[in-house]
Amino acid sequence: MNVALAASEPLPRYQPLPAGCGAVVAIFRDLAAAEPLWRRLAAGDAVATPYADLAWIRLWHRHVGGPAGQEPLIAVGLDMTSAPLFVWPFVTGRLGPMTIASFFGGKHATLNMPLWRRDVAERFSADDMRNVLSQIAAQCPEIDLLLLHNQPESWHGTRNPFAALPHQRTSEDNFVLNFAPSSQDPECQVSRAVRSRLRNKERKLARLPGSPRHNSPSAWGCPRGKWPASKSAATTP
């Protein structure tokens, strides 16, 4: 699922959201500044894809995004007690004459769902989303376009609130297969083509300077219990 929002599109002026679902947006331009609220939310009943993990984002920005001139823009939704409701980790950069905000990781981040408190994600409506976006637009007038690619419609049984906005289906789906506890080797439960791609990726990673050689599936970024799978055994975003 892809979402693109241009600053020229009319957004309603910020209005207080309904009781129990209100969110005031705080903008952070530094990962360290957003970290306390980020960790507080992640420690509770929260949901997000691995690409919204703070440790992954910090490493990506240190070695890739930062050297490329990209800058963090972290939008944190707060309730009336200043407790975090969601963390939207964006990075800003130039695309021709425009300043765009997108998810960290670029094309390498293939499953982008920001960090949400689970109950908030379940009840956030399209109007709630537009209200939050209007706050971001007011606080970040330099942003010309929000370009949010590769989002699943749901994750771990929780709907992605961005799916409530007009969007375009991605050209290539990602598939997820849950493995039940078993003594069978997980490699035997995925297709031969997937095993070949993972081994090829492992060999490429092993050739990188300073990269240790790993033999476990987790070294490929695919933790056991959440492996890419064939279409016949998968749910699509």
Protein backbone atom coordinates (compact mmCIF):
# COMPACT_ATOMS: atom_id res chain seq x y z
CA MET A 1 0.00 0.00 0.00
CA ASN A 2 1.36 3.40 -1.03
CA VAL A 3 0.16 6.79 0.20
CA ALA A 4 1.21 10.16 -1.26
CA LEU A 5 0.04 13.43 0.26
CA ALA A 6 0.94 16.74 -1.34
CA ALA A 7 1.04 19.95 0.66
CA SER A 8 -1.16 21.60 -1.97
CA GLU A 9 -4.02 19.26 -1.13
CA PRO A 10 -6.53 20.96 1.19
CA LEU A 11 -6.35 19.68 4.73
CA PRO A 12 -8.87 20.71 7.38
CA ARG A 13 -7.68 23.04 10.08
CA TYR A 14 -6.77 21.22 13.26
CA GLN A 15 -9.79 20.44 15.40
CA PRO A 16 -9.80 18.60 18.75
CA LEU A 17 -10.45 14.92 18.16
CA PRO A 18 -13.25 13.01 19.89
CA ALA A 19 -12.82 12.19 23.55
CA GLY A 20 -10.58 9.16 24.08
CA CYS A 21 -9.03 9.47 20.61
CA GLY A 22 -7.46 12.90 20.75
CA ALA A 23 -3.87 13.35 19.68
CA VAL A 24 -1.66 16.40 19.85
CA VAL A 25 1.36 16.05 17.58
CA ALA A 26 4.89 16.84 18.77
CA ILE A 27 7.61 17.04 16.12
CA PHE A 28 11.18 15.94 16.87
CA ARG A 29 14.09 16.60 14.52
CA ASP A 30 16.47 14.36 16.42
CA LEU A 31 16.23 10.62 17.17
CA ALA A 32 17.68 11.02 20.66
CA ALA A 33 15.07 13.62 21.57
CA ALA A 34 12.22 11.31 20.56
CA GLU A 35 13.75 8.22 22.18
CA PRO A 36 12.14 8.43 25.66
CA LEU A 37 8.60 8.59 24.27
CA TRP A 38 9.47 6.02 21.59
CA ARG A 39 10.72 3.49 24.14
CA ARG A 40 7.84 4.19 26.51
CA LEU A 41 5.33 3.36 23.78
CA ALA A 42 7.23 0.32 22.52
CA ALA A 43 7.38 -1.14 26.04
CA GLY A 44 3.58 -1.31 26.24
CA ASP A 45 0.91 -2.97 24.13
CA ALA A 46 2.16 -1.56 20.86
CA VAL A 47 2.36 -2.75 17.27
CA ALA A 48 4.76 -1.89 14.45
CA THR A 49 6.73 -3.59 11.71
CA PRO A 50 10.47 -4.22 12.28
CA TYR A 51 11.35 -1.20 10.13
CA ALA A 52 9.88 1.09 12.80
CA ASP A 53 12.27 -0.28 15.42
CA LEU A 54 14.40 2.48 16.94
CA ALA A 55 17.63 0.46 16.89
CA TRP A 56 17.22 -0.37 13.20
CA ILE A 57 16.36 3.21 12.30
CA ARG A 58 19.33 4.58 14.27
CA LEU A 59 21.74 2.27 12.44
CA TRP A 60 20.23 3.05 9.06
CA HIS A 61 20.43 6.78 9.64
CA ARG A 62 23.98 6.60 10.98
CA HIS A 63 25.35 4.66 8.04
CA VAL A 64 23.02 5.52 5.13
CA GLY A 65 20.47 8.27 5.63
CA GLY A 66 22.64 10.76 7.47
CA PRO A 67 25.60 10.57 5.05
CA ALA A 68 23.11 11.04 2.19
CA GLY A 69 21.93 14.34 3.72
CA GLN A 70 18.58 13.07 5.03
CA GLU A 71 17.22 14.47 8.29
CA PRO A 72 14.89 12.82 10.83
CA LEU A 73 11.37 14.10 11.32
CA ILE A 74 9.62 12.15 14.07
CA ALA A 75 5.91 12.83 14.64
CA VAL A 76 4.69 11.68 18.06
CA GLY A 77 1.01 11.70 18.97
CA LEU A 78 0.28 12.51 22.61
CA ASP A 79 -2.90 12.26 24.65
CA MET A 80 -4.06 14.78 27.26
CA THR A 81 -1.64 13.31 29.82
CA SER A 82 1.30 13.52 27.36
CA ALA A 83 1.39 9.73 27.02
CA PRO A 84 2.46 8.57 23.54
CA LEU A 85 -0.21 7.17 21.23
CA PHE A 86 1.90 6.68 18.11
CA VAL A 87 5.34 7.38 16.69
CA TRP A 88 5.63 8.09 12.98
CA PRO A 89 9.34 7.98 12.05
CA PHE A 90 9.92 9.98 8.89
CA VAL A 91 13.08 11.15 7.19
CA THR A 92 13.25 14.20 4.96
CA GLY A 93 15.23 14.74 1.80
CA ARG A 94 15.14 16.38 -1.60
CA LEU A 95 13.45 14.99 -4.68
CA GLY A 96 14.13 17.42 -7.49
CA PRO A 97 12.75 20.80 -6.38
CA MET A 98 10.64 19.27 -3.61
CA THR A 99 11.27 18.43 0.01
CA ILE A 100 9.72 15.07 0.77
CA ALA A 101 9.15 13.10 3.95
CA SER A 102 9.15 9.31 3.78
CA PHE A 103 9.85 6.27 5.92
CA PHE A 104 13.41 5.37 6.88
CA GLY A 105 15.08 2.73 4.73
CA GLY A 106 13.95 3.83 1.28
CA LYS A 107 13.22 0.93 -1.07
CA HIS A 108 14.91 -1.48 1.33
CA ALA A 109 12.12 -1.04 3.91
CA THR A 110 9.43 -3.26 2.42
CA LEU A 111 6.98 -3.33 5.35
CA ASN A 112 6.32 0.10 6.80
CA MET A 113 3.81 0.45 9.61
CA PRO A 114 4.73 3.05 12.24
CA LEU A 115 4.60 2.39 15.96
CA TRP A 116 1.08 2.54 17.40
CA ARG A 117 -0.54 1.81 20.70
CA ARG A 118 -2.63 -1.13 19.62
CA ASP A 119 -6.02 0.08 20.86
CA VAL A 120 -5.47 3.50 19.29
CA ALA A 121 -4.63 1.98 15.90
CA GLU A 122 -7.82 -0.05 15.99
CA ARG A 123 -10.09 2.97 16.42
CA PHE A 124 -8.27 5.71 14.49
CA SER A 125 -10.51 6.88 11.64
CA ALA A 126 -9.81 8.66 8.36
CA ASP A 127 -10.88 11.94 9.97
CA ASP A 128 -8.47 11.33 12.85
CA MET A 129 -5.66 10.70 10.37
CA ARG A 130 -6.41 13.90 8.44
CA ASN A 131 -6.50 15.83 11.68
CA VAL A 132 -3.04 14.58 12.62
CA LEU A 133 -1.72 15.27 9.12
CA SER A 134 -3.01 18.83 9.32
CA GLN A 135 -0.98 19.33 12.49
CA ILE A 136 2.15 17.99 10.80
CA ALA A 137 1.55 20.28 7.81
CA ALA A 138 1.20 23.30 10.12
CA GLN A 139 4.40 22.51 12.03
CA CYS A 140 6.48 21.48 9.00
CA PRO A 141 5.67 23.97 6.21
CA GLU A 142 8.88 23.04 4.40
CA ILE A 143 7.49 19.59 3.52
CA ASP A 144 6.01 19.51 0.02
CA LEU A 145 5.09 15.84 -0.09
CA LEU A 146 4.61 12.87 2.23
CA LEU A 147 5.59 9.78 0.23
CA LEU A 148 4.78 6.66 2.25
CA HIS A 149 5.49 3.44 0.37
CA ASN A 150 5.17 -0.26 1.15
CA GLN A 151 2.64 -0.33 3.95
CA PRO A 152 0.77 -3.46 5.00
CA GLU A 153 -2.96 -3.08 5.52
CA SER A 154 -2.57 -4.84 8.87
CA TRP A 155 0.16 -6.23 11.08
CA HIS A 156 -0.16 -8.96 13.72
CA GLY A 157 -3.94 -8.70 13.50
CA THR A 158 -4.06 -4.92 13.92
CA ARG A 159 -5.26 -2.68 11.09
CA ASN A 160 -2.95 -0.02 9.74
CA PRO A 161 -4.73 3.35 10.17
CA PHE A 162 -3.03 4.68 7.02
CA ALA A 163 -5.25 2.25 5.09
CA ALA A 164 -8.18 4.55 5.90
CA LEU A 165 -6.67 7.16 3.55
CA PRO A 166 -6.83 6.98 -0.25
CA HIS A 167 -3.97 4.78 -1.36
CA GLN A 168 -2.55 2.70 -4.17
CA ARG A 169 -1.75 -0.96 -3.96
CA THR A 170 1.97 -1.72 -4.13
CA SER A 171 3.25 -3.39 -7.27
CA GLU A 172 4.68 -6.31 -5.29
CA ASP A 173 3.14 -7.89 -2.22
CA ASN A 174 5.02 -9.18 0.80
CA PHE A 175 3.95 -12.46 2.29
CA VAL A 176 4.23 -13.73 5.84
CA LEU A 177 4.01 -17.30 7.12
CA ASN A 178 3.73 -18.17 10.81
CA PHE A 179 5.45 -21.38 11.86
CA ALA A 180 3.98 -23.54 14.60
CA PRO A 181 6.52 -24.93 17.10
CA SER A 182 7.99 -27.98 15.46
CA SER A 183 11.11 -30.09 15.39
CA GLN A 184 11.09 -29.85 11.60
CA ASP A 185 13.79 -27.62 10.11
CA PRO A 186 12.12 -24.31 9.15
CA GLU A 187 13.99 -24.38 5.84
CA CYS A 188 11.91 -27.39 4.85
CA GLN A 189 8.71 -25.37 5.30
CA VAL A 190 9.48 -22.65 2.76
CA SER A 191 9.70 -22.93 -0.99
CA ARG A 192 12.90 -23.90 -2.76
CA ALA A 193 12.98 -20.51 -4.53
CA VAL A 194 12.80 -18.62 -1.23
CA ARG A 195 15.57 -20.74 0.28
CA SER A 196 17.74 -19.99 -2.74
CA ARG A 197 17.15 -16.23 -2.46
CA LEU A 198 17.94 -16.22 1.26
CA ARG A 199 21.17 -18.17 0.77
CA ASN A 200 22.20 -15.82 -2.04
CA LYS A 201 21.54 -12.86 0.25
CA GLU A 202 23.59 -14.49 3.00
CA ARG A 203 26.54 -14.96 0.65
CA LYS A 204 26.40 -11.30 -0.41
CA LEU A 205 26.29 -10.13 3.22
CA ALA A 206 29.21 -12.38 4.13
CA ARG A 207 31.37 -10.67 1.51
CA LEU A 208 30.90 -7.22 3.06
CA PRO A 209 33.92 -5.93 5.00
CA GLY A 210 33.50 -6.52 8.70
CA SER A 211 30.35 -8.62 8.34
CA PRO A 212 30.38 -11.83 10.38
CA ARG A 213 29.27 -15.03 8.73
CA HIS A 214 25.92 -16.22 10.05
CA ASN A 215 24.27 -19.55 9.55
CA SER A 216 20.89 -18.86 11.15
CA PRO A 217 17.85 -17.47 9.30
CA SER A 218 17.81 -14.45 11.64
CA ALA A 219 21.04 -13.28 9.98
CA TRP A 220 19.03 -12.57 6.85
CA GLY A 221 16.65 -10.27 8.74
CA CYS A 222 14.01 -13.01 8.86
CA PRO A 223 13.52 -14.14 12.47
CA ARG A 224 12.28 -17.67 12.95
CA GLY A 225 8.50 -17.70 13.05
CA LYS A 226 8.21 -14.85 10.51
CA TRP A 227 9.69 -15.94 7.19
CA PRO A 228 8.78 -14.86 3.67
CA ALA A 229 6.50 -17.48 2.21
CA SER A 230 4.88 -18.60 -0.99
CA LYS A 231 1.54 -17.12 -2.06
CA SER A 232 -0.31 -20.30 -1.20
CA ALA A 233 0.49 -19.93 2.49
CA ALA A 234 0.44 -16.21 2.93
CA THR A 235 -1.63 -13.18 3.75
CA THR A 236 -1.12 -10.15 1.55
CA PRO A 237 -0.82 -6.51 2.63
